[in-house]
Amino acid sequence: MRKDIEIPKAEYVHIVAVKEWDKDFTGQQWNIYLVNNREDEINTVLVLSRGKSEDKKTSTLRHGLGNIASKTAAKVEFIPTEVLGFTNEYLVTFFAENKLFERKFIFEPNSISEEKVVALPVLESEGILAK
């Protein structure tokens, strides 16, 4: 029965890390965004985030982002520098085209750094694209 359920891979949706000024911490901080680069709105967006290293792991966090319009982005979370050396995973699920879409994004250990920034889709800034 499970084999009969088709969950297509989410395309033109990205998880990105952007370094931004944080007035509360008065410094540059890495923030994670979900970017909808699709031509249509995505609905009931859920993002599950977790990190792990060889001997440690973070709590699993669940973020309900609601609906995200076409060619826009929504902030998911702030990512502390202490976990940049971890493998950080983001599982994204949403509805579009009357189907449930799902995709896992991964930031490899130490892949979030200023030396690796690229131009990002939709956001008019630079950052890191998750694989």
Protein backbone atom coordinates (compact mmCIF):
# COMPACT_ATOMS: atom_id res chain seq x y z
CA MET A 1 0.00 0.00 0.00
CA ARG A 2 2.79 2.44 0.83
CA LYS A 3 4.40 1.67 -2.51
CA ASP A 4 1.28 2.98 -4.22
CA ILE A 5 1.68 6.47 -2.72
CA GLU A 6 3.61 8.79 -4.98
CA ILE A 7 5.46 11.68 -3.31
CA PRO A 8 7.16 13.71 -6.06
CA LYS A 9 10.47 15.47 -5.42
CA ALA A 10 10.16 19.19 -4.77
CA GLU A 11 11.87 21.20 -7.50
CA TYR A 12 12.59 24.93 -7.54
CA VAL A 13 12.39 25.03 -3.74
CA HIS A 14 15.64 25.67 -1.88
CA ILE A 15 17.03 25.86 1.64
CA VAL A 16 19.70 28.55 1.90
CA ALA A 17 21.93 30.05 4.58
CA VAL A 18 22.37 33.83 4.56
CA LYS A 19 24.64 35.85 6.84
CA GLU A 20 22.76 38.90 8.10
CA TRP A 21 23.11 41.62 10.69
CA ASP A 22 21.23 40.80 13.89
CA LYS A 23 20.40 43.89 15.93
CA ASP A 24 19.64 41.82 19.05
CA PHE A 25 23.05 40.13 19.04
CA THR A 26 24.73 43.17 17.42
CA GLY A 27 26.64 41.03 14.97
CA GLN A 28 26.51 38.96 11.83
CA GLN A 29 24.50 35.72 12.21
CA TRP A 30 23.65 32.88 9.80
CA ASN A 31 19.93 32.49 9.11
CA ILE A 32 18.22 29.69 7.20
CA TYR A 33 15.56 30.53 4.61
CA LEU A 34 13.21 28.48 2.47
CA VAL A 35 13.08 29.91 -1.06
CA ASN A 36 10.09 29.25 -3.31
CA ASN A 37 11.43 29.72 -6.85
CA ARG A 38 8.38 27.98 -8.34
CA GLU A 39 5.80 29.68 -10.53
CA ASP A 40 3.02 28.83 -8.05
CA GLU A 41 2.33 29.25 -4.34
CA ILE A 42 3.23 26.38 -2.02
CA ASN A 43 0.86 25.59 0.83
CA THR A 44 1.07 24.20 4.36
CA VAL A 45 4.87 24.33 4.34
CA LEU A 46 6.56 22.34 7.12
CA VAL A 47 10.31 22.27 7.74
CA LEU A 48 11.95 19.81 10.10
CA SER A 49 15.53 20.67 11.10
CA ARG A 50 18.17 18.69 12.96
CA GLY A 51 21.93 18.49 13.24
CA LYS A 52 24.38 15.77 14.15
CA SER A 53 28.08 15.14 14.47
CA GLU A 54 29.98 11.97 15.39
CA ASP A 55 29.18 12.25 19.08
CA LYS A 56 26.51 14.95 19.42
CA LYS A 57 23.15 15.85 17.99
CA THR A 58 20.77 18.77 18.21
CA SER A 59 17.10 18.78 19.07
CA THR A 60 14.71 18.19 16.20
CA LEU A 61 12.82 21.40 15.45
CA ARG A 62 9.60 21.67 13.46
CA HIS A 63 8.66 24.91 11.73
CA GLY A 64 5.21 25.57 10.26
CA LEU A 65 5.67 28.30 7.65
CA GLY A 66 2.12 28.33 6.24
CA ASN A 67 1.77 29.37 2.60
CA ILE A 68 4.66 30.86 0.65
CA ALA A 69 3.96 32.88 -2.48
CA SER A 70 5.76 32.31 -5.77
CA LYS A 71 9.27 33.81 -6.06
CA THR A 72 9.50 34.66 -2.34
CA ALA A 73 11.35 33.38 0.71
CA ALA A 74 10.51 32.74 4.36
CA LYS A 75 12.91 32.69 7.30
CA VAL A 76 13.08 29.26 8.93
CA GLU A 77 15.54 29.74 11.80
CA PHE A 78 18.77 31.21 13.10
CA ILE A 79 21.63 28.71 13.07
CA PRO A 80 24.19 29.09 15.88
CA THR A 81 27.88 28.97 15.04
CA GLU A 82 28.31 26.04 17.46
CA VAL A 83 26.49 23.69 15.06
CA LEU A 84 28.11 24.82 11.78
CA GLY A 85 30.52 21.87 12.14
CA PHE A 86 27.58 19.44 12.25
CA THR A 87 25.72 17.83 9.35
CA ASN A 88 22.55 19.95 9.32
CA GLU A 89 19.46 18.42 7.67
CA TYR A 90 16.24 20.13 6.62
CA LEU A 91 13.24 18.06 5.55
CA VAL A 92 10.72 20.18 3.63
CA THR A 93 7.14 19.12 2.87
CA PHE A 94 4.38 21.15 1.23
CA PHE A 95 1.30 20.95 -0.96
CA ALA A 96 1.13 22.21 -4.56
CA GLU A 97 -0.72 21.04 -7.66
CA ASN A 98 -3.00 19.03 -5.33
CA LYS A 99 -0.02 16.82 -4.39
CA LEU A 100 2.25 16.43 -1.38
CA PHE A 101 5.88 17.27 -2.14
CA GLU A 102 8.90 16.34 -0.03
CA ARG A 103 12.63 16.97 -0.18
CA LYS A 104 15.64 16.66 2.14
CA PHE A 105 18.34 19.33 2.10
CA ILE A 106 21.74 18.90 3.75
CA PHE A 107 24.49 21.30 4.77
CA GLU A 108 27.66 19.23 5.14
CA PRO A 109 29.91 19.98 8.14
CA ASN A 110 31.58 23.41 7.80
CA SER A 111 29.90 24.05 4.42
CA ILE A 112 28.33 27.23 5.79
CA SER A 113 31.15 29.76 5.58
CA GLU A 114 31.75 33.15 4.00
CA GLU A 115 34.28 31.64 1.57
CA LYS A 116 31.59 29.52 -0.10
CA VAL A 117 28.84 32.09 -0.78
CA VAL A 118 27.11 32.27 -4.16
CA ALA A 119 24.32 34.39 -5.64
CA LEU A 120 20.96 33.07 -4.44
CA PRO A 121 17.71 32.69 -6.40
CA VAL A 122 14.85 35.06 -5.45
CA LEU A 123 16.76 36.67 -2.56
CA GLU A 124 18.84 39.58 -3.71
CA SER A 125 21.81 38.52 -1.64
CA GLU A 126 24.57 35.95 -1.40
CA GLY A 127 24.59 32.81 0.70
CA ILE A 128 24.98 29.04 0.72
CA LEU A 129 22.64 26.62 -1.09
CA ALA A 130 21.98 23.34 0.70
CA LYS A 131 22.44 20.15 -1.31
